[in-house]
C-alpha atoms as a PDB file:
ATOM      1  CA  MET A   1     112.974  93.062 121.598  1.00  0.00           C
ATOM      2  CA  ASN A   2     112.672  95.091 118.325  1.00  0.00           C
ATOM      3  CA  THR A   3     110.137  93.491 115.848  1.00  0.00           C
ATOM      4  CA  VAL A   4     109.207  94.190 112.391  1.00  0.00           C
ATOM      5  CA  ALA A   5     105.683  92.863 111.130  1.00  0.00           C
ATOM      6  CA  CYS A   6     105.373  92.537 107.313  1.00  0.00           C
ATOM      7  CA  TYR A   7     101.884  93.100 105.681  1.00  0.00           C
ATOM      8  CA  LYS A   8     100.498  93.558 102.480  1.00  0.00           C
ATOM      9  CA  VAL A   9      97.320  95.670 101.233  1.00  0.00           C
ATOM     10  CA  VAL A  10      94.943  93.554  99.136  1.00  0.00           C
ATOM     11  CA  PRO A  11      91.500  94.007  97.451  1.00  0.00           C
ATOM     12  CA  ASP A  12      88.733  93.110  99.878  1.00  0.00           C
ATOM     13  CA  ALA A  13      87.482  89.652  99.032  1.00  0.00           C
ATOM     14  CA  GLN A  14      83.808  90.477  99.416  1.00  0.00           C
ATOM     15  CA  ASP A  15      83.991  93.053  96.570  1.00  0.00           C
ATOM     16  CA  ILE A  16      85.681  91.027  94.183  1.00  0.00           C
ATOM     17  CA  ASP A  17      83.388  90.065  91.037  1.00  0.00           C
ATOM     18  CA  VAL A  18      83.766  86.943  88.982  1.00  0.00           C
ATOM     19  CA  ASN A  19      83.761  87.600  85.158  1.00  0.00           C
ATOM     20  CA  PRO A  20      81.825  84.919  82.917  1.00  0.00           C
ATOM     21  CA  ASP A  21      85.262  83.535  81.878  1.00  0.00           C
ATOM     22  CA  GLY A  22      86.229  83.004  85.410  1.00  0.00           C
ATOM     23  CA  SER A  23      88.694  85.754  85.721  1.00  0.00           C
ATOM     24  CA  LEU A  24      88.631  87.989  88.653  1.00  0.00           C
ATOM     25  CA  ASN A  25      87.366  91.833  88.533  1.00  0.00           C
ATOM     26  CA  THR A  26      88.861  93.910  91.273  1.00  0.00           C
ATOM     27  CA  ALA A  27      87.683  97.081  89.725  1.00  0.00           C
ATOM     28  CA  LYS A  28      85.327  97.929  92.398  1.00  0.00           C
ATOM     29  CA  ALA A  29      87.170  96.267  95.347  1.00  0.00           C
ATOM     30  CA  GLU A  30      88.351  98.319  98.234  1.00  0.00           C
ATOM     31  CA  ILE A  31      91.920  97.956  99.165  1.00  0.00           C
ATOM     32  CA  VAL A  32      92.584  96.721 102.768  1.00  0.00           C
ATOM     33  CA  LEU A  33      94.989  95.211 105.018  1.00  0.00           C
ATOM     34  CA  GLY A  34      95.626  91.520 104.620  1.00  0.00           C
ATOM     35  CA  GLU A  35      93.451  89.685 107.084  1.00  0.00           C
ATOM     36  CA  TYR A  36      96.464  87.238 107.864  1.00  0.00           C
ATOM     37  CA  ASP A  37      98.684  90.015 108.406  1.00  0.00           C
ATOM     38  CA  LEU A  38      96.681  91.443 111.192  1.00  0.00           C
ATOM     39  CA  MET A  39      97.929  88.627 113.386  1.00  0.00           C
ATOM     40  CA  ALA A  40     101.519  89.433 112.502  1.00  0.00           C
ATOM     41  CA  ILE A  41     101.215  93.082 113.519  1.00  0.00           C
ATOM     42  CA  GLU A  42      99.668  92.063 116.750  1.00  0.00           C
ATOM     43  CA  GLU A  43     101.890  89.556 117.722  1.00  0.00           C
ATOM     44  CA  ALA A  44     105.062  92.199 116.899  1.00  0.00           C
ATOM     45  CA  VAL A  45     103.336  94.712 119.015  1.00  0.00           C
ATOM     46  CA  LYS A  46     102.577  92.304 122.016  1.00  0.00           C
ATOM     47  CA  LEU A  47     106.278  91.025 121.664  1.00  0.00           C
ATOM     48  CA  ALA A  48     107.691  94.618 121.763  1.00  0.00           C
ATOM     49  CA  GLU A  49     105.461  95.944 124.574  1.00  0.00           C
ATOM     50  CA  ALA A  50     106.253  92.851 126.893  1.00  0.00           C
ATOM     51  CA  THR A  51     110.071  93.421 126.203  1.00  0.00           C
ATOM     52  CA  SER A  52     110.254  97.065 126.336  1.00  0.00           C
ATOM     53  CA  GLY A  53     111.147  97.040 122.755  1.00  0.00           C
ATOM     54  CA  ARG A  54     110.176  98.627 119.594  1.00  0.00           C
ATOM     55  CA  ALA A  55     107.741  97.622 116.912  1.00  0.00           C
ATOM     56  CA  VAL A  56     107.661  98.759 113.360  1.00  0.00           C
ATOM     57  CA  LEU A  57     105.906  97.708 110.081  1.00  0.00           C
ATOM     58  CA  LEU A  58     107.243  96.966 106.597  1.00  0.00           C
ATOM     59  CA  SER A  59     105.408  96.595 103.423  1.00  0.00           C
ATOM     60  CA  ALA A  60     105.895  96.798  99.690  1.00  0.00           C
ATOM     61  CA  GLY A  61     103.451  97.522  97.110  1.00  0.00           C
ATOM     62  CA  GLY A  62     102.082 100.096  94.599  1.00  0.00           C
ATOM     63  CA  PRO A  63     101.008 103.668  95.178  1.00  0.00           C
ATOM     64  CA  LYS A  64      97.822 102.677  97.162  1.00  0.00           C
ATOM     65  CA  LEU A  65     100.111 101.327  99.766  1.00  0.00           C
ATOM     66  CA  VAL A  66     100.684 104.919 101.014  1.00  0.00           C
ATOM     67  CA  ASP A  67      96.930 105.915 100.936  1.00  0.00           C
ATOM     68  CA  THR A  68      96.495 107.808 104.302  1.00  0.00           C
ATOM     69  CA  LYS A  69      93.471 105.711 105.220  1.00  0.00           C
ATOM     70  CA  LEU A  70      95.633 102.542 104.765  1.00  0.00           C
ATOM     71  CA  VAL A  71      98.657 103.880 106.573  1.00  0.00           C
ATOM     72  CA  LYS A  72      96.400 104.796 109.670  1.00  0.00           C
ATOM     73  CA  ALA A  73      94.645 101.386 109.586  1.00  0.00           C
ATOM     74  CA  ALA A  74      98.034  99.748 110.131  1.00  0.00           C
ATOM     75  CA  LEU A  75      99.704 102.132 112.355  1.00  0.00           C
ATOM     76  CA  SER A  76      96.697 102.473 114.444  1.00  0.00           C
ATOM     77  CA  ARG A  77      97.373  98.784 115.696  1.00  0.00           C
ATOM     78  CA  GLY A  78     100.235  99.618 117.812  1.00  0.00           C
ATOM     79  CA  ALA A  79     103.428  99.891 115.911  1.00  0.00           C
ATOM     80  CA  ASP A  80     105.767 102.974 116.393  1.00  0.00           C
ATOM     81  CA  GLU A  81     106.760 103.495 112.595  1.00  0.00           C
ATOM     82  CA  LEU A  82     106.166 102.349 109.012  1.00  0.00           C
ATOM     83  CA  PHE A  83     108.792 101.542 106.307  1.00  0.00           C
ATOM     84  CA  CYS A  84     107.580 100.723 102.762  1.00  0.00           C
ATOM     85  CA  VAL A  85     108.911 100.337  99.215  1.00  0.00           C
ATOM     86  CA  VAL A  86     106.440 101.859  96.778  1.00  0.00           C
ATOM     87  CA  ASP A  87     106.454 101.190  93.166  1.00  0.00           C
ATOM     88  CA  GLU A  88     103.761 100.106  90.593  1.00  0.00           C
ATOM     89  CA  ALA A  89     106.048  97.086  89.836  1.00  0.00           C
ATOM     90  CA  VAL A  90     105.498  95.474  93.153  1.00  0.00           C
ATOM     91  CA  GLU A  91     101.907  95.226  92.672  1.00  0.00           C
ATOM     92  CA  SER A  92     102.270  92.305  90.363  1.00  0.00           C
ATOM     93  CA  ALA A  93     105.376  90.632  91.840  1.00  0.00           C
ATOM     94  CA  ASP A  94     105.497  87.000  92.694  1.00  0.00           C
ATOM     95  CA  ALA A  95     106.466  85.571  96.057  1.00  0.00           C
ATOM     96  CA  TYR A  96     110.062  85.494  95.469  1.00  0.00           C
ATOM     97  CA  GLN A  97     110.488  89.162  94.074  1.00  0.00           C
ATOM     98  CA  THR A  98     108.355  90.310  96.885  1.00  0.00           C
ATOM     99  CA  ALA A  99     110.731  88.479  99.357  1.00  0.00           C
ATOM    100  CA  ALA A 100     113.735  90.093  97.612  1.00  0.00           C
ATOM    101  CA  VAL A 101     112.490  93.583  98.041  1.00  0.00           C
ATOM    102  CA  LEU A 102     111.376  93.034 101.710  1.00  0.00           C
ATOM    103  CA  ALA A 103     114.879  91.327 102.444  1.00  0.00           C
ATOM    104  CA  ALA A 104     116.622  94.270 100.935  1.00  0.00           C
ATOM    105  CA  ALA A 105     114.542  96.774 102.770  1.00  0.00           C
ATOM    106  CA  LEU A 106     115.294  94.845 106.184  1.00  0.00           C
ATOM    107  CA  LYS A 107     118.884  95.252 105.586  1.00  0.00           C
ATOM    108  CA  ASN A 108     118.357  99.042 106.428  1.00  0.00           C
ATOM    109  CA  MET A 109     116.582  98.261 109.443  1.00  0.00           C
ATOM    110  CA  GLU A 110     117.367  97.307 113.022  1.00  0.00           C
ATOM    111  CA  TYR A 111     115.469  94.220 114.277  1.00  0.00           C
ATOM    112  CA  ASP A 112     115.577  91.082 116.476  1.00  0.00           C
ATOM    113  CA  LEU A 113     112.485  89.170 114.919  1.00  0.00           C
ATOM    114  CA  VAL A 114     110.686  89.496 111.944  1.00  0.00           C
ATOM    115  CA  ILE A 115     107.045  88.261 111.687  1.00  0.00           C
ATOM    116  CA  CYS A 116     104.881  87.517 108.756  1.00  0.00           C
ATOM    117  CA  GLY A 117     101.568  86.108 108.366  1.00  0.00           C
ATOM    118  CA  GLU A 118     100.995  82.503 107.174  1.00  0.00           C
ATOM    119  CA  GLY A 119     100.056  83.934 103.635  1.00  0.00           C
ATOM    120  CA  SER A 120      98.715  86.783 101.730  1.00  0.00           C
ATOM    121  CA  ALA A 121      94.973  87.337 101.662  1.00  0.00           C
ATOM    122  CA  ASP A 122      94.921  87.177  97.787  1.00  0.00           C
ATOM    123  CA  LEU A 123      97.518  84.977  96.648  1.00  0.00           C
ATOM    124  CA  TYR A 124      98.250  82.761  99.714  1.00  0.00           C
ATOM    125  CA  ALA A 125     101.440  81.230  98.407  1.00  0.00           C
ATOM    126  CA  GLN A 126     102.749  80.844 101.927  1.00  0.00           C
ATOM    127  CA  GLN A 127     106.118  81.404 100.720  1.00  0.00           C
ATOM    128  CA  VAL A 128     107.230  85.163 101.421  1.00  0.00           C
ATOM    129  CA  GLY A 129     108.181  84.488 105.064  1.00  0.00           C
ATOM    130  CA  SER A 130     110.379  81.481 104.337  1.00  0.00           C
ATOM    131  CA  LEU A 131     112.001  83.381 101.398  1.00  0.00           C
ATOM    132  CA  VAL A 132     112.939  86.576 103.333  1.00  0.00           C
ATOM    133  CA  GLY A 133     114.645  84.391 105.975  1.00  0.00           C
ATOM    134  CA  ALA A 134     116.500  82.180 103.309  1.00  0.00           C
ATOM    135  CA  LEU A 135     117.638  85.527 101.548  1.00  0.00           C
ATOM    136  CA  LEU A 136     118.594  87.175 104.858  1.00  0.00           C
ATOM    137  CA  GLY A 137     120.579  83.807 105.962  1.00  0.00           C
ATOM    138  CA  LEU A 138     118.465  83.849 109.083  1.00  0.00           C
ATOM    139  CA  PRO A 139     116.532  80.916 111.018  1.00  0.00           C
ATOM    140  CA  VAL A 140     113.036  80.386 109.760  1.00  0.00           C
ATOM    141  CA  VAL A 141     110.027  78.939 111.427  1.00  0.00           C
ATOM    142  CA  ASN A 142     106.585  78.754 109.807  1.00  0.00           C
ATOM    143  CA  ALA A 143     103.146  77.692 111.187  1.00  0.00           C
ATOM    144  CA  VAL A 144     104.057  79.361 114.485  1.00  0.00           C
ATOM    145  CA  SER A 145     100.936  79.404 116.704  1.00  0.00           C
ATOM    146  CA  GLY A 146     102.726  80.952 119.758  1.00  0.00           C
ATOM    147  CA  ILE A 147     105.755  82.940 120.601  1.00  0.00           C
ATOM    148  CA  GLU A 148     107.581  83.674 124.011  1.00  0.00           C
ATOM    149  CA  ALA A 149     110.494  86.010 124.509  1.00  0.00           C
ATOM    150  CA  LYS A 150     113.695  84.733 125.903  1.00  0.00           C
ATOM    151  CA  ASP A 151     117.079  86.250 126.401  1.00  0.00           C
ATOM    152  CA  GLY A 152     118.606  86.316 122.924  1.00  0.00           C
ATOM    153  CA  ALA A 153     116.064  83.770 121.579  1.00  0.00           C
ATOM    154  CA  VAL A 154     112.402  83.209 121.331  1.00  0.00           C
ATOM    155  CA  VAL A 155     110.471  79.893 122.153  1.00  0.00           C
ATOM    156  CA  VAL A 156     107.892  79.125 119.433  1.00  0.00           C
ATOM    157  CA  GLU A 157     105.081  76.686 119.138  1.00  0.00           C
ATOM    158  CA  ARG A 158     103.942  75.025 116.123  1.00  0.00           C
ATOM    159  CA  THR A 159     100.732  73.254 116.153  1.00  0.00           C
ATOM    160  CA  LEU A 160     101.040  70.286 113.878  1.00  0.00           C
ATOM    161  CA  GLU A 161      98.497  67.732 112.990  1.00  0.00           C
ATOM    162  CA  ASN A 162      98.958  65.236 115.931  1.00  0.00           C
ATOM    163  CA  GLU A 163     101.365  67.304 117.958  1.00  0.00           C
ATOM    164  CA  VAL A 164     102.464  70.653 119.247  1.00  0.00           C
ATOM    165  CA  GLU A 165     106.072  71.390 118.297  1.00  0.00           C
ATOM    166  CA  VAL A 166     108.136  73.549 120.829  1.00  0.00           C
ATOM    167  CA  LEU A 167     111.284  75.219 119.366  1.00  0.00           C
ATOM    168  CA  GLU A 168     114.000  77.655 120.605  1.00  0.00           C
ATOM    169  CA  VAL A 169     115.095  79.951 117.845  1.00  0.00           C
ATOM    170  CA  ALA A 170     118.261  82.161 118.056  1.00  0.00           C
ATOM    171  CA  LEU A 171     117.789  85.896 117.179  1.00  0.00           C
ATOM    172  CA  PRO A 172     117.636  87.500 114.758  1.00  0.00           C
ATOM    173  CA  ALA A 173     115.116  85.282 112.955  1.00  0.00           C
ATOM    174  CA  VAL A 174     112.010  85.281 110.898  1.00  0.00           C
ATOM    175  CA  VAL A 175     108.781  83.655 111.631  1.00  0.00           C
ATOM    176  CA  SER A 176     105.380  83.289 110.043  1.00  0.00           C
ATOM    177  CA  VAL A 177     102.354  83.153 112.352  1.00  0.00           C
ATOM    178  CA  THR A 178      99.064  81.234 112.012  1.00  0.00           C
ATOM    179  CA  THR A 179      95.600  82.799 112.750  1.00  0.00           C
ATOM    180  CA  ASP A 180      95.556  80.851 116.144  1.00  0.00           C
ATOM    181  CA  VAL A 181      98.571  83.027 117.429  1.00  0.00           C
ATOM    182  CA  ASN A 182      96.393  85.891 118.667  1.00  0.00           C
ATOM    183  CA  LEU A 183      93.231  87.897 118.396  1.00  0.00           C
ATOM    184  CA  PRO A 184      94.186  91.195 116.770  1.00  0.00           C
ATOM    185  CA  ARG A 185      93.154  94.281 118.728  1.00  0.00           C
ATOM    186  CA  ILE A 186      90.584  96.695 117.315  1.00  0.00           C
ATOM    187  CA  PRO A 187      91.890 100.080 116.993  1.00  0.00           C
ATOM    188  CA  GLN A 188      90.085 102.852 119.031  1.00  0.00           C
ATOM    189  CA  LEU A 189      89.479 106.367 117.944  1.00  0.00           C
ATOM    190  CA  LYS A 190      92.391 107.731 119.946  1.00  0.00           C
ATOM    191  CA  ASP A 191      94.643 105.173 118.265  1.00  0.00           C
ATOM    192  CA  ILE A 192      93.740 106.150 114.717  1.00  0.00           C
ATOM    193  CA  LEU A 193      94.517 109.781 115.494  1.00  0.00           C
ATOM    194  CA  ALA A 194      97.772 108.891 117.086  1.00  0.00           C
ATOM    195  CA  ALA A 195      98.504 106.800 113.905  1.00  0.00           C
ATOM    196  CA  GLY A 196      98.418 110.170 111.712  1.00  0.00           C
ATOM    197  CA  LYS A 197     101.611 111.421 113.521  1.00  0.00           C
ATOM    198  CA  LYS A 198     103.871 108.317 113.287  1.00  0.00           C
ATOM    199  CA  PRO A 199     106.541 108.380 111.009  1.00  0.00           C
ATOM    200  CA  VAL A 200     106.381 106.926 107.493  1.00  0.00           C
ATOM    201  CA  THR A 201     109.671 106.121 105.621  1.00  0.00           C
ATOM    202  CA  LYS A 202     109.275 105.539 101.871  1.00  0.00           C
ATOM    203  CA  TRP A 203     111.661 103.884  99.621  1.00  0.00           C
ATOM    204  CA  THR A 204     111.887 103.466  95.773  1.00  0.00           C
ATOM    205  CA  LEU A 205     112.585 100.196  94.298  1.00  0.00           C
ATOM    206  CA  ASP A 206     116.061 101.699  93.192  1.00  0.00           C
ATOM    207  CA  GLU A 207     116.711 102.603  96.645  1.00  0.00           C
ATOM    208  CA  VAL A 208     116.662  98.953  97.647  1.00  0.00           C
ATOM    209  CA  GLY A 209     118.213  97.548  94.792  1.00  0.00           C
ATOM    210  CA  GLY A 210     115.413  97.172  92.192  1.00  0.00           C
ATOM    211  CA  LEU A 211     113.165  94.139  91.485  1.00  0.00           C
ATOM    212  CA  PRO A 212     114.635  90.818  90.430  1.00  0.00           C
ATOM    213  CA  GLU A 213     113.730  88.848  87.529  1.00  0.00           C
ATOM    214  CA  SER A 214     110.676  86.456  87.909  1.00  0.00           C
ATOM    215  CA  GLY A 215     111.279  82.925  87.408  1.00  0.00           C
ATOM    216  CA  VAL A 216     107.648  82.450  87.419  1.00  0.00           C
ATOM    217  CA  GLU A 217     105.149  83.268  84.512  1.00  0.00           C
ATOM    218  CA  THR A 218     101.401  83.594  85.482  1.00  0.00           C
ATOM    219  CA  LEU A 219      99.148  82.484  82.704  1.00  0.00           C
ATOM    220  CA  SER A 220      95.938  83.185  84.373  1.00  0.00           C
ATOM    221  CA  VAL A 221      94.095  83.745  87.651  1.00  0.00           C
ATOM    222  CA  LYS A 222      90.576  82.237  87.791  1.00  0.00           C
ATOM    223  CA  ALA A 223      88.079  81.575  90.381  1.00  0.00           C
ATOM    224  CA  PRO A 224      87.195  77.707  90.809  1.00  0.00           C
ATOM    225  CA  GLU A 225      83.932  76.650  88.956  1.00  0.00           C
ATOM    226  CA  SER A 226      80.824  76.641  90.964  1.00  0.00           C
ATOM    227  CA  ILE A 227      79.425  72.933  91.504  1.00  0.00           C
ATOM    228  CA  GLU A 228      76.323  72.226  93.124  1.00  0.00           C
ATOM    229  CA  ARG A 229      76.251  69.952  96.034  1.00  0.00           C
ATOM    230  CA  LYS A 230      75.071  66.480  95.290  1.00  0.00           C
ATOM    231  CA  GLN A 231      73.649  66.249  98.869  1.00  0.00           C
ATOM    232  CA  VAL A 232      74.478  62.398  99.144  1.00  0.00           C
ATOM    233  CA  VAL A 233      74.646  61.239 102.868  1.00  0.00           C
ATOM    234  CA  TYR A 234      76.154  57.842 103.720  1.00  0.00           C
ATOM    235  CA  GLU A 235      75.182  56.808 107.182  1.00  0.00           C
ATOM    236  CA  GLY A 236      77.559  54.287 108.984  1.00  0.00           C
ATOM    237  CA  CYS A 237      81.125  53.115 108.136  1.00  0.00           C
ATOM    238  CA  SER A 238      80.593  49.755 106.424  1.00  0.00           C
ATOM    239  CA  ASP A 239      82.637  48.551 103.628  1.00  0.00           C
ATOM    240  CA  GLU A 240      79.643  48.750 101.282  1.00  0.00           C
ATOM    241  CA  ASN A 241      79.245  52.354 102.111  1.00  0.00           C
ATOM    242  CA  ILE A 242      82.876  53.248 101.827  1.00  0.00           C
ATOM    243  CA  GLY A 243      83.148  51.561  98.373  1.00  0.00           C
ATOM    244  CA  GLU A 244      80.158  53.481  97.226  1.00  0.00           C
ATOM    245  CA  LEU A 245      81.618  56.689  98.407  1.00  0.00           C
ATOM    246  CA  VAL A 246      84.958  55.983  96.726  1.00  0.00           C
ATOM    247  CA  SER A 247      83.368  54.897  93.442  1.00  0.00           C
ATOM    248  CA  ASN A 248      81.223  58.262  93.462  1.00  0.00           C
ATOM    249  CA  ILE A 249      84.258  60.342  94.117  1.00  0.00           C
ATOM    250  CA  LYS A 250      86.113  58.611  91.343  1.00  0.00           C
ATOM    251  CA  ALA A 251      83.096  59.252  89.243  1.00  0.00           C
ATOM    252  CA  SER A 252      83.320  63.020  89.730  1.00  0.00           C
ATOM    253  CA  TRP A 253      86.756  63.426  88.762  1.00  0.00           C
END
């Protein structure tokens, strides 16, 4: 089975400062692989290894995407090759624009299964995987917590609130995996050294059809206001306690 794992590079959350007006300052933030995408990469590699297939990576972003350190960080996790669309315009792309660029790139690639993380580590819109599948006209399943290869298909598990749903999905397909799907490997020194020799294919936006118009206008991105905990504890579940809890919640709106 040939798999493609999509990933995004994002500012490290621990390095992001909040300005007095609530806006985010990423000037000092190191750029890293999105933490939710690590599971997608690991699952793509595991499936390829189990089926004697090939795992490759796909990403779209600005020039920082092809920083040597970031490329090695991605490829050291077991994939054979990296494909990427590099343009500054992609850095500020919304979910639909990002999905359109990835879908256009995938039309130039060979694959059976495309795997995305459940959401990006910065915006966490949880839309890109589903949009990629829709744009390609492929079966799409999100919230996947387990994948098993089958001849011409994959059997996936979705852990829902009160049940586990098991689905057989014909290939090719697109899935978005949760953080429960696996535990990503930690690259060793030999993996990092080997990553530097793996092929990297770069495309420009023009080579994949450009960036479509956005239907979304972002007015602002701000951190939530910090609110002190009230430290009120309700013991028991009497009607009186429940009523008091509800009243206090309404009063805080």
